[in-house]
C-alpha atoms as a PDB file:
ATOM      1  CA  MET A   1     -26.916  10.123 -14.956  1.00  0.00           C
ATOM      2  CA  PRO A   2     -28.825   8.042 -12.332  1.00  0.00           C
ATOM      3  CA  ASP A   3     -32.173   6.380 -13.101  1.00  0.00           C
ATOM      4  CA  SER A   4     -33.770   8.572 -10.429  1.00  0.00           C
ATOM      5  CA  ALA A   5     -34.818  12.188 -10.891  1.00  0.00           C
ATOM      6  CA  PRO A   6     -33.369  14.368  -8.116  1.00  0.00           C
ATOM      7  CA  VAL A   7     -35.337  17.528  -7.370  1.00  0.00           C
ATOM      8  CA  LEU A   8     -33.526  18.315  -4.114  1.00  0.00           C
ATOM      9  CA  ASP A   9     -30.413  20.435  -3.733  1.00  0.00           C
ATOM     10  CA  PHE A  10     -27.547  18.837  -1.796  1.00  0.00           C
ATOM     11  CA  SER A  11     -24.924  21.378  -2.838  1.00  0.00           C
ATOM     12  CA  GLY A  12     -22.218  21.591  -0.204  1.00  0.00           C
ATOM     13  CA  ARG A  13     -23.332  18.380   1.509  1.00  0.00           C
ATOM     14  CA  ARG A  14     -20.909  15.506   1.966  1.00  0.00           C
ATOM     15  CA  VAL A  15     -22.246  11.990   1.503  1.00  0.00           C
ATOM     16  CA  VAL A  16     -20.513   8.676   2.228  1.00  0.00           C
ATOM     17  CA  VAL A  17     -22.006   5.528   0.694  1.00  0.00           C
ATOM     18  CA  ALA A  18     -20.651   2.262   2.081  1.00  0.00           C
ATOM     19  CA  ALA A  19     -21.022  -0.188  -0.838  1.00  0.00           C
ATOM     20  CA  GLY A  20     -21.825   2.103  -3.737  1.00  0.00           C
ATOM     21  CA  SER A  21     -20.435   0.673  -6.968  1.00  0.00           C
ATOM     22  CA  ARG A  22     -23.414  -1.329  -8.237  1.00  0.00           C
ATOM     23  CA  GLY A  23     -27.179  -1.686  -7.976  1.00  0.00           C
ATOM     24  CA  ILE A  24     -28.898   0.270  -5.223  1.00  0.00           C
ATOM     25  CA  GLY A  25     -25.709   1.708  -3.743  1.00  0.00           C
ATOM     26  CA  ARG A  26     -24.485   2.940  -7.114  1.00  0.00           C
ATOM     27  CA  SER A  27     -27.819   4.591  -7.851  1.00  0.00           C
ATOM     28  CA  ILE A  28     -27.818   6.287  -4.437  1.00  0.00           C
ATOM     29  CA  ALA A  29     -24.273   7.585  -4.948  1.00  0.00           C
ATOM     30  CA  LEU A  30     -25.072   8.894  -8.428  1.00  0.00           C
ATOM     31  CA  ALA A  31     -28.327  10.493  -7.263  1.00  0.00           C
ATOM     32  CA  PHE A  32     -26.628  12.432  -4.466  1.00  0.00           C
ATOM     33  CA  ALA A  33     -23.907  13.551  -6.886  1.00  0.00           C
ATOM     34  CA  ALA A  34     -26.511  14.673  -9.421  1.00  0.00           C
ATOM     35  CA  ALA A  35     -28.178  16.671  -6.647  1.00  0.00           C
ATOM     36  CA  GLY A  36     -24.932  18.534  -6.005  1.00  0.00           C
ATOM     37  CA  ALA A  37     -23.368  16.613  -3.117  1.00  0.00           C
ATOM     38  CA  GLY A  38     -19.759  15.644  -2.761  1.00  0.00           C
ATOM     39  CA  VAL A  39     -19.817  11.841  -2.643  1.00  0.00           C
ATOM     40  CA  SER A  40     -17.468   9.140  -1.429  1.00  0.00           C
ATOM     41  CA  PHE A  41     -18.279   5.498  -2.002  1.00  0.00           C
ATOM     42  CA  CYS A  42     -16.539   2.194  -1.505  1.00  0.00           C
ATOM     43  CA  ALA A  43     -16.738  -1.419  -2.634  1.00  0.00           C
ATOM     44  CA  ARG A  44     -14.516  -4.457  -2.849  1.00  0.00           C
ATOM     45  CA  GLY A  45     -14.040  -4.354  -6.642  1.00  0.00           C
ATOM     46  CA  ARG A  46     -11.879  -1.588  -8.104  1.00  0.00           C
ATOM     47  CA  GLU A  47     -13.168  -1.896 -11.682  1.00  0.00           C
ATOM     48  CA  ALA A  48     -16.780  -1.129 -10.760  1.00  0.00           C
ATOM     49  CA  LEU A  49     -15.630   1.683  -8.457  1.00  0.00           C
ATOM     50  CA  GLU A  50     -13.695   3.377 -11.237  1.00  0.00           C
ATOM     51  CA  ALA A  51     -16.563   3.018 -13.710  1.00  0.00           C
ATOM     52  CA  THR A  52     -18.979   4.704 -11.303  1.00  0.00           C
ATOM     53  CA  ARG A  53     -16.502   7.442 -10.417  1.00  0.00           C
ATOM     54  CA  ALA A  54     -15.926   8.122 -14.123  1.00  0.00           C
ATOM     55  CA  GLN A  55     -19.663   8.425 -14.693  1.00  0.00           C
ATOM     56  CA  MET A  56     -19.919  10.958 -11.872  1.00  0.00           C
ATOM     57  CA  ALA A  57     -17.004  12.945 -13.253  1.00  0.00           C
ATOM     58  CA  GLU A  58     -18.635  13.127 -16.687  1.00  0.00           C
ATOM     59  CA  HIS A  59     -21.523  14.997 -15.102  1.00  0.00           C
ATOM     60  CA  GLY A  60     -19.426  17.267 -12.923  1.00  0.00           C
ATOM     61  CA  GLY A  61     -19.905  15.346  -9.689  1.00  0.00           C
ATOM     62  CA  THR A  62     -17.280  15.378  -6.947  1.00  0.00           C
ATOM     63  CA  ALA A  63     -16.332  11.817  -6.136  1.00  0.00           C
ATOM     64  CA  HIS A  64     -13.956   9.892  -3.930  1.00  0.00           C
ATOM     65  CA  ALA A  65     -13.839   6.128  -4.317  1.00  0.00           C
ATOM     66  CA  ALA A  66     -11.861   3.519  -2.393  1.00  0.00           C
ATOM     67  CA  VAL A  67     -11.617  -0.238  -2.192  1.00  0.00           C
ATOM     68  CA  CYS A  68     -12.928  -1.471   1.151  1.00  0.00           C
ATOM     69  CA  ASP A  69     -13.986  -4.826   2.560  1.00  0.00           C
ATOM     70  CA  LEU A  70     -16.832  -4.007   4.948  1.00  0.00           C
ATOM     71  CA  ALA A  71     -16.178  -7.266   6.813  1.00  0.00           C
ATOM     72  CA  ASP A  72     -12.716  -5.989   7.779  1.00  0.00           C
ATOM     73  CA  ALA A  73     -12.754  -3.683  10.818  1.00  0.00           C
ATOM     74  CA  GLY A  74      -9.459  -2.040   9.867  1.00  0.00           C
ATOM     75  CA  ASP A  75     -10.599  -1.446   6.298  1.00  0.00           C
ATOM     76  CA  VAL A  76     -13.795   0.260   7.470  1.00  0.00           C
ATOM     77  CA  ALA A  77     -11.908   2.552   9.848  1.00  0.00           C
ATOM     78  CA  ARG A  78      -9.399   3.488   7.141  1.00  0.00           C
ATOM     79  CA  TYR A  79     -12.063   4.096   4.504  1.00  0.00           C
ATOM     80  CA  VAL A  80     -14.261   6.341   6.656  1.00  0.00           C
ATOM     81  CA  GLU A  81     -11.267   8.479   7.622  1.00  0.00           C
ATOM     82  CA  GLU A  82     -10.148   8.736   3.993  1.00  0.00           C
ATOM     83  CA  ALA A  83     -13.668   9.665   2.882  1.00  0.00           C
ATOM     84  CA  ALA A  84     -14.025  12.351   5.561  1.00  0.00           C
ATOM     85  CA  ALA A  85     -10.659  13.827   4.622  1.00  0.00           C
ATOM     86  CA  ALA A  86     -11.471  13.818   0.909  1.00  0.00           C
ATOM     87  CA  LEU A  87     -14.872  15.468   1.387  1.00  0.00           C
ATOM     88  CA  GLY A  88     -13.947  17.755   4.272  1.00  0.00           C
ATOM     89  CA  GLY A  89     -16.393  16.086   6.639  1.00  0.00           C
ATOM     90  CA  ILE A  90     -19.510  13.903   6.581  1.00  0.00           C
ATOM     91  CA  ASP A  91     -23.135  15.069   6.536  1.00  0.00           C
ATOM     92  CA  VAL A  92     -24.815  11.843   5.415  1.00  0.00           C
ATOM     93  CA  LEU A  93     -23.732   8.230   5.921  1.00  0.00           C
ATOM     94  CA  VAL A  94     -25.457   5.564   3.830  1.00  0.00           C
ATOM     95  CA  ASN A  95     -24.878   1.946   4.895  1.00  0.00           C
ATOM     96  CA  ASN A  96     -25.737  -0.282   1.961  1.00  0.00           C
ATOM     97  CA  GLY A  97     -23.450  -3.297   2.325  1.00  0.00           C
ATOM     98  CA  THR A  98     -24.625  -6.898   2.344  1.00  0.00           C
ATOM     99  CA  GLY A  99     -22.905 -10.265   2.317  1.00  0.00           C
ATOM    100  CA  TYR A 100     -26.004 -11.860   0.716  1.00  0.00           C
ATOM    101  CA  GLY A 101     -26.003 -14.575   3.348  1.00  0.00           C
ATOM    102  CA  PHE A 102     -28.959 -16.574   2.064  1.00  0.00           C
ATOM    103  CA  GLU A 103     -27.737 -20.085   2.850  1.00  0.00           C
ATOM    104  CA  ASP A 104     -28.613 -21.377   6.331  1.00  0.00           C
ATOM    105  CA  ASP A 105     -25.085 -22.508   7.140  1.00  0.00           C
ATOM    106  CA  GLU A 106     -22.058 -21.172   9.001  1.00  0.00           C
ATOM    107  CA  ASP A 107     -20.892 -19.114   6.037  1.00  0.00           C
ATOM    108  CA  GLY A 108     -24.314 -17.560   5.429  1.00  0.00           C
ATOM    109  CA  TRP A 109     -24.686 -16.476   9.036  1.00  0.00           C
ATOM    110  CA  ARG A 110     -21.087 -15.241   9.206  1.00  0.00           C
ATOM    111  CA  ARG A 111     -21.502 -13.048   6.121  1.00  0.00           C
ATOM    112  CA  GLY A 112     -24.662 -11.501   7.529  1.00  0.00           C
ATOM    113  CA  LEU A 113     -22.933 -10.763  10.816  1.00  0.00           C
ATOM    114  CA  ASP A 114     -19.618  -9.554   9.404  1.00  0.00           C
ATOM    115  CA  VAL A 115     -20.820  -7.477   6.444  1.00  0.00           C
ATOM    116  CA  ASP A 116     -24.427  -6.444   7.037  1.00  0.00           C
ATOM    117  CA  ILE A 117     -24.412  -5.932  10.796  1.00  0.00           C
ATOM    118  CA  MET A 118     -20.829  -5.196  11.824  1.00  0.00           C
ATOM    119  CA  GLY A 119     -20.064  -3.335   8.595  1.00  0.00           C
ATOM    120  CA  THR A 120     -22.907  -0.978   9.473  1.00  0.00           C
ATOM    121  CA  VAL A 121     -21.991  -0.681  13.150  1.00  0.00           C
ATOM    122  CA  ARG A 122     -18.339   0.056  12.405  1.00  0.00           C
ATOM    123  CA  ALA A 123     -19.094   2.628   9.707  1.00  0.00           C
ATOM    124  CA  VAL A 124     -21.408   4.443  12.106  1.00  0.00           C
ATOM    125  CA  ARG A 125     -18.856   4.302  14.911  1.00  0.00           C
ATOM    126  CA  HIS A 126     -16.102   5.847  12.818  1.00  0.00           C
ATOM    127  CA  ALA A 127     -18.322   8.417  11.085  1.00  0.00           C
ATOM    128  CA  LEU A 128     -19.982   9.707  14.260  1.00  0.00           C
ATOM    129  CA  PRO A 129     -17.311  12.278  15.223  1.00  0.00           C
ATOM    130  CA  ARG A 130     -17.701  13.899  11.781  1.00  0.00           C
ATOM    131  CA  LEU A 131     -21.497  13.626  11.794  1.00  0.00           C
ATOM    132  CA  ARG A 132     -21.615  15.348  15.189  1.00  0.00           C
ATOM    133  CA  GLU A 133     -19.688  18.270  13.690  1.00  0.00           C
ATOM    134  CA  ALA A 134     -22.198  18.660  10.850  1.00  0.00           C
ATOM    135  CA  GLU A 135     -25.513  20.492  10.863  1.00  0.00           C
ATOM    136  CA  GLY A 136     -28.571  18.425   9.988  1.00  0.00           C
ATOM    137  CA  ALA A 137     -26.624  15.181   9.714  1.00  0.00           C
ATOM    138  CA  SER A 138     -28.307  11.853   9.069  1.00  0.00           C
ATOM    139  CA  ILE A 139     -27.652   8.143   8.729  1.00  0.00           C
ATOM    140  CA  LEU A 140     -29.471   5.877   6.278  1.00  0.00           C
ATOM    141  CA  ASN A 141     -29.356   2.092   6.519  1.00  0.00           C
ATOM    142  CA  THR A 142     -30.532  -0.124   3.669  1.00  0.00           C
ATOM    143  CA  VAL A 143     -32.389  -3.171   4.952  1.00  0.00           C
ATOM    144  CA  SER A 144     -35.065  -5.200   3.114  1.00  0.00           C
ATOM    145  CA  ILE A 145     -38.723  -6.135   3.356  1.00  0.00           C
ATOM    146  CA  ALA A 146     -37.272  -9.515   4.362  1.00  0.00           C
ATOM    147  CA  ALA A 147     -36.505  -7.874   7.711  1.00  0.00           C
ATOM    148  CA  LEU A 148     -40.197  -7.244   8.334  1.00  0.00           C
ATOM    149  CA  ARG A 149     -41.777 -10.650   7.777  1.00  0.00           C
ATOM    150  CA  PHE A 150     -41.035 -14.299   8.377  1.00  0.00           C
ATOM    151  CA  ARG A 151     -39.784 -16.383   5.460  1.00  0.00           C
ATOM    152  CA  SER A 152     -39.086 -20.046   4.739  1.00  0.00           C
ATOM    153  CA  SER A 153     -35.697 -19.430   3.122  1.00  0.00           C
ATOM    154  CA  GLY A 154     -32.832 -16.967   3.444  1.00  0.00           C
ATOM    155  CA  ALA A 155     -33.097 -16.779   7.234  1.00  0.00           C
ATOM    156  CA  PRO A 156     -29.557 -15.394   7.776  1.00  0.00           C
ATOM    157  CA  TYR A 157     -30.156 -12.518   5.355  1.00  0.00           C
ATOM    158  CA  ALA A 158     -33.549 -11.676   6.864  1.00  0.00           C
ATOM    159  CA  ALA A 159     -32.217 -11.852  10.423  1.00  0.00           C
ATOM    160  CA  ALA A 160     -29.257  -9.599   9.612  1.00  0.00           C
ATOM    161  CA  LYS A 161     -31.520  -7.003   8.009  1.00  0.00           C
ATOM    162  CA  ALA A 162     -33.963  -7.198  10.936  1.00  0.00           C
ATOM    163  CA  ALA A 163     -31.064  -6.555  13.308  1.00  0.00           C
ATOM    164  CA  ILE A 164     -30.121  -3.430  11.353  1.00  0.00           C
ATOM    165  CA  ALA A 165     -33.737  -2.206  11.396  1.00  0.00           C
ATOM    166  CA  SER A 166     -33.741  -2.601  15.183  1.00  0.00           C
ATOM    167  CA  TYR A 167     -30.342  -0.911  15.436  1.00  0.00           C
ATOM    168  CA  THR A 168     -31.732   1.977  13.383  1.00  0.00           C
ATOM    169  CA  GLY A 169     -34.403   2.723  15.980  1.00  0.00           C
ATOM    170  CA  SER A 170     -32.051   2.393  18.932  1.00  0.00           C
ATOM    171  CA  LEU A 171     -29.456   4.602  17.261  1.00  0.00           C
ATOM    172  CA  ALA A 172     -32.111   7.212  16.454  1.00  0.00           C
ATOM    173  CA  LEU A 173     -32.961   7.462  20.149  1.00  0.00           C
ATOM    174  CA  GLU A 174     -29.302   7.670  21.118  1.00  0.00           C
ATOM    175  CA  LEU A 175     -28.382  10.349  18.588  1.00  0.00           C
ATOM    176  CA  ALA A 176     -31.452  12.567  18.770  1.00  0.00           C
ATOM    177  CA  ALA A 177     -29.732  14.755  21.367  1.00  0.00           C
ATOM    178  CA  ASP A 178     -26.963  15.362  18.804  1.00  0.00           C
ATOM    179  CA  GLY A 179     -29.484  16.387  16.161  1.00  0.00           C
ATOM    180  CA  ILE A 180     -28.608  13.368  14.004  1.00  0.00           C
ATOM    181  CA  ARG A 181     -31.495  11.564  12.340  1.00  0.00           C
ATOM    182  CA  VAL A 182     -31.293   7.814  11.654  1.00  0.00           C
ATOM    183  CA  ASN A 183     -33.622   5.992   9.281  1.00  0.00           C
ATOM    184  CA  ALA A 184     -33.709   2.833   7.192  1.00  0.00           C
ATOM    185  CA  ILE A 185     -35.073   1.955   3.765  1.00  0.00           C
ATOM    186  CA  ALA A 186     -36.592  -1.486   3.180  1.00  0.00           C
ATOM    187  CA  PRO A 187     -36.580  -2.215  -0.559  1.00  0.00           C
ATOM    188  CA  GLY A 188     -38.749  -4.854  -2.123  1.00  0.00           C
ATOM    189  CA  SER A 189     -37.520  -6.880  -5.093  1.00  0.00           C
ATOM    190  CA  ILE A 190     -35.128  -4.670  -7.077  1.00  0.00           C
ATOM    191  CA  ALA A 191     -33.830  -5.690 -10.503  1.00  0.00           C
ATOM    192  CA  PHE A 192     -30.692  -4.369 -12.211  1.00  0.00           C
ATOM    193  CA  PRO A 193     -28.086  -5.770 -14.635  1.00  0.00           C
ATOM    194  CA  GLY A 194     -25.940  -8.370 -12.895  1.00  0.00           C
ATOM    195  CA  GLY A 195     -28.149  -8.381  -9.808  1.00  0.00           C
ATOM    196  CA  LEU A 196     -29.949 -11.222  -8.044  1.00  0.00           C
ATOM    197  CA  TRP A 197     -33.308 -10.718  -9.746  1.00  0.00           C
ATOM    198  CA  GLU A 198     -31.804 -10.291 -13.203  1.00  0.00           C
ATOM    199  CA  ARG A 199     -30.075 -13.658 -12.746  1.00  0.00           C
ATOM    200  CA  ARG A 200     -33.220 -15.292 -11.420  1.00  0.00           C
ATOM    201  CA  SER A 201     -35.209 -14.051 -14.421  1.00  0.00           C
ATOM    202  CA  ARG A 202     -32.885 -16.195 -16.560  1.00  0.00           C
ATOM    203  CA  GLU A 203     -32.083 -19.113 -14.257  1.00  0.00           C
ATOM    204  CA  GLU A 204     -35.288 -19.449 -12.221  1.00  0.00           C
ATOM    205  CA  PRO A 205     -38.028 -17.877 -14.372  1.00  0.00           C
ATOM    206  CA  GLU A 206     -40.901 -19.463 -12.436  1.00  0.00           C
ATOM    207  CA  LEU A 207     -39.607 -18.112  -9.119  1.00  0.00           C
ATOM    208  CA  TYR A 208     -39.022 -14.711 -10.714  1.00  0.00           C
ATOM    209  CA  ARG A 209     -42.571 -14.655 -12.080  1.00  0.00           C
ATOM    210  CA  SER A 210     -44.048 -15.668  -8.719  1.00  0.00           C
ATOM    211  CA  PHE A 211     -42.424 -12.651  -7.048  1.00  0.00           C
ATOM    212  CA  LEU A 212     -43.331 -10.318  -9.894  1.00  0.00           C
ATOM    213  CA  ASP A 213     -46.965 -11.397  -9.643  1.00  0.00           C
ATOM    214  CA  ARG A 214     -47.066 -10.254  -6.000  1.00  0.00           C
ATOM    215  CA  ILE A 215     -46.197  -6.665  -6.887  1.00  0.00           C
ATOM    216  CA  PRO A 216     -49.404  -4.664  -7.493  1.00  0.00           C
ATOM    217  CA  PHE A 217     -47.662  -2.223  -9.845  1.00  0.00           C
ATOM    218  CA  GLY A 218     -46.651  -5.102 -12.102  1.00  0.00           C
ATOM    219  CA  ARG A 219     -42.914  -4.482 -12.270  1.00  0.00           C
ATOM    220  CA  MET A 220     -39.773  -5.100 -10.283  1.00  0.00           C
ATOM    221  CA  GLY A 221     -38.345  -2.112  -8.473  1.00  0.00           C
ATOM    222  CA  LYS A 222     -35.466  -0.103  -9.903  1.00  0.00           C
ATOM    223  CA  PRO A 223     -32.412   1.093  -7.970  1.00  0.00           C
ATOM    224  CA  GLY A 224     -33.556   4.647  -8.662  1.00  0.00           C
ATOM    225  CA  ASP A 225     -36.747   4.018  -6.685  1.00  0.00           C
ATOM    226  CA  ILE A 226     -34.583   3.476  -3.613  1.00  0.00           C
ATOM    227  CA  ALA A 227     -32.274   6.386  -4.436  1.00  0.00           C
ATOM    228  CA  ASN A 228     -35.266   8.737  -4.522  1.00  0.00           C
ATOM    229  CA  ALA A 229     -36.278   7.582  -1.046  1.00  0.00           C
ATOM    230  CA  ALA A 230     -32.711   8.096   0.181  1.00  0.00           C
ATOM    231  CA  LEU A 231     -32.681  11.677  -1.129  1.00  0.00           C
ATOM    232  CA  PHE A 232     -35.941  12.400   0.661  1.00  0.00           C
ATOM    233  CA  LEU A 233     -34.871  10.912   3.994  1.00  0.00           C
ATOM    234  CA  ALA A 234     -31.553  12.780   3.943  1.00  0.00           C
ATOM    235  CA  SER A 235     -33.188  16.084   2.980  1.00  0.00           C
ATOM    236  CA  PRO A 236     -34.732  18.868   5.095  1.00  0.00           C
ATOM    237  CA  LEU A 237     -38.135  17.619   3.917  1.00  0.00           C
ATOM    238  CA  ALA A 238     -37.649  14.711   6.341  1.00  0.00           C
ATOM    239  CA  SER A 239     -36.306  16.834   9.194  1.00  0.00           C
ATOM    240  CA  TRP A 240     -38.987  15.454  11.570  1.00  0.00           C
ATOM    241  CA  VAL A 241     -38.477  11.826  10.547  1.00  0.00           C
ATOM    242  CA  THR A 242     -36.175   9.583  12.577  1.00  0.00           C
ATOM    243  CA  GLY A 243     -36.070   5.997  13.762  1.00  0.00           C
ATOM    244  CA  GLN A 244     -38.236   4.827  10.862  1.00  0.00           C
ATOM    245  CA  THR A 245     -37.951   2.008   8.345  1.00  0.00           C
ATOM    246  CA  LEU A 246     -39.509   3.189   5.078  1.00  0.00           C
ATOM    247  CA  VAL A 247     -40.825   0.357   2.891  1.00  0.00           C
ATOM    248  CA  VAL A 248     -40.258   1.005  -0.807  1.00  0.00           C
ATOM    249  CA  ASP A 249     -41.689  -2.024  -2.586  1.00  0.00           C
ATOM    250  CA  GLY A 250     -44.488  -1.036  -4.981  1.00  0.00           C
ATOM    251  CA  GLY A 251     -46.979  -2.648  -2.628  1.00  0.00           C
ATOM    252  CA  GLN A 252     -45.222  -6.041  -2.634  1.00  0.00           C
ATOM    253  CA  MET A 253     -45.779  -6.620   1.083  1.00  0.00           C
ATOM    254  CA  LEU A 254     -49.513  -6.013   0.677  1.00  0.00           C
ATOM    255  CA  ASN A 255     -49.744  -9.398  -1.026  1.00  0.00           C
ATOM    256  CA  GLY A 256     -47.799 -11.261   1.649  1.00  0.00           C
END
């Protein structure tokens, strides 16, 4: 089903994945479903949502899917309420949305603010009442290794992800008294059909190769690599882990 290999049991757990119809988000949603969780996920495109939901259903997964624009405050509020109602509550919230604001212009910065940052903040805000009702609840935010180092391009994207990494730590402190853990995952370069790195392998092969050469394991990451980390951080195995940003990059950052 997913390209990860779940070994953890999430039966009876209710997982909401904000932006879960393709790439990393899709793999996370499928991995939780394969591990027994009830899963709700959203995205802007209905076709991809339905394809992912159908794949879950083929394997017996419980799925709720809804169209949602994470840049729209009303849409986020509506979606989280619908997801909680469909699942009967929320145990795990995964914030995976991005506006891919790479261009250093007004639009690039606006997409990073509206989708990456405020999409995350609003999803947390609306999910918190349900998370506080759950036992062993957790929040996972997807950031990027771009959040952890300076770069000469893509400043809006890096800054937005750095803001979410900082928010993760602050939120972990705030919610510790409620027993809610908050962590982030910082993926390295992840390739999947239709994704950024798949396109660059065709359109900018020299740039693609330069990034690939920095990864000690000699391959681009897979969405399942990130899904496996998400399963761990949301599981009882990580019950003493909060406020952390886990780098999952095959050693990419070791080479600068």
